[in-house]
């Protein structure tokens, strides 16, 4: 784990970045690409994490249904 106090400060005029745009309709529909036109490793990891979260949600919902006595899906 990196020590956050040892990280350099961003320049005062650097844009503030957040995980989601303030206006969702302005979100890019295409994946963000690096300068050479390839999907960045950060974007790839973010997509992987999102897919894992969705899979976990589905598995938990399925387990709740089985625990409630519903028949298991085929």
Protein backbone atom coordinates (compact mmCIF):
# COMPACT_ATOMS: atom_id res chain seq x y z
CA UNK A 1 0.00 0.00 0.00
CA UNK A 2 1.44 3.37 -0.97
CA UNK A 3 2.03 6.05 1.60
CA UNK A 4 -0.22 8.90 0.44
CA UNK A 5 1.92 11.52 2.16
CA UNK A 6 4.83 10.64 -0.11
CA UNK A 7 2.87 11.23 -3.32
CA UNK A 8 3.61 14.49 -5.17
CA UNK A 9 0.96 17.19 -5.14
CA UNK A 10 -0.87 18.00 -8.36
CA UNK A 11 -0.18 21.39 -9.93
CA UNK A 12 -2.57 24.11 -8.80
CA UNK A 13 -4.00 24.47 -12.31
CA UNK A 14 -4.56 20.72 -12.81
CA UNK A 15 -8.19 19.78 -13.56
CA UNK A 16 -10.10 18.00 -10.83
CA UNK A 17 -11.08 14.50 -11.91
CA UNK A 18 -13.85 12.38 -10.49
CA UNK A 19 -15.07 8.86 -11.15
CA UNK A 20 -18.26 9.94 -12.87
CA UNK A 21 -19.07 13.07 -14.88
CA UNK A 22 -21.30 15.69 -13.28
CA UNK A 23 -23.72 15.29 -16.18
CA UNK A 24 -24.23 11.58 -17.00
CA UNK A 25 -25.52 12.44 -20.47
CA UNK A 26 -22.10 13.92 -21.25
CA UNK A 27 -20.38 10.64 -20.41
CA UNK A 28 -18.50 9.21 -23.35
CA UNK A 29 -20.26 6.22 -24.87
CA UNK A 30 -17.05 4.75 -26.26
CA UNK A 31 -14.29 3.45 -23.99
CA UNK A 32 -11.57 5.89 -23.08
CA UNK A 33 -8.49 5.28 -25.16
CA UNK A 34 -4.88 6.08 -24.54
CA UNK A 35 -3.00 8.24 -27.01
CA UNK A 36 -2.12 5.23 -29.16
CA UNK A 37 -5.78 4.20 -29.46
CA UNK A 38 -5.75 1.30 -27.00
CA UNK A 39 -7.93 0.89 -23.91
CA UNK A 40 -5.91 1.85 -20.87
CA UNK A 41 -5.08 -0.67 -18.17
CA UNK A 42 -6.98 1.47 -15.66
CA UNK A 43 -10.13 1.39 -17.79
CA UNK A 44 -9.76 -2.37 -18.31
CA UNK A 45 -9.42 -2.91 -14.54
CA UNK A 46 -12.44 -0.68 -13.87
CA UNK A 47 -14.56 -2.72 -16.31
CA UNK A 48 -13.36 -5.97 -14.72
CA UNK A 49 -14.26 -4.70 -11.24
CA UNK A 50 -17.72 -3.62 -12.43
CA UNK A 51 -18.34 -7.03 -13.99
CA UNK A 52 -17.29 -8.75 -10.77
CA UNK A 53 -19.66 -6.55 -8.72
CA UNK A 54 -22.57 -7.37 -11.05
CA UNK A 55 -21.77 -11.09 -10.88
CA UNK A 56 -21.70 -10.92 -7.07
CA UNK A 57 -25.08 -9.15 -7.02
CA UNK A 58 -26.62 -11.87 -9.22
CA UNK A 59 -25.14 -14.66 -7.10
CA UNK A 60 -26.41 -13.08 -3.87
CA UNK A 61 -29.90 -12.63 -5.33
CA UNK A 62 -29.89 -16.27 -6.48
CA UNK A 63 -28.75 -17.44 -3.01
CA UNK A 64 -31.47 -15.38 -1.31
CA UNK A 65 -34.07 -16.97 -3.58
CA UNK A 66 -32.83 -20.49 -2.79
CA UNK A 67 -32.74 -19.70 0.95
CA UNK A 68 -36.34 -18.45 0.73
CA UNK A 69 -37.39 -21.84 -0.61
CA UNK A 70 -37.79 -20.94 -4.25
CA UNK A 71 -36.88 -23.65 -6.70
CA UNK A 72 -33.39 -23.50 -8.07
CA UNK A 73 -33.16 -22.24 -11.64
CA UNK A 74 -32.05 -24.76 -14.23
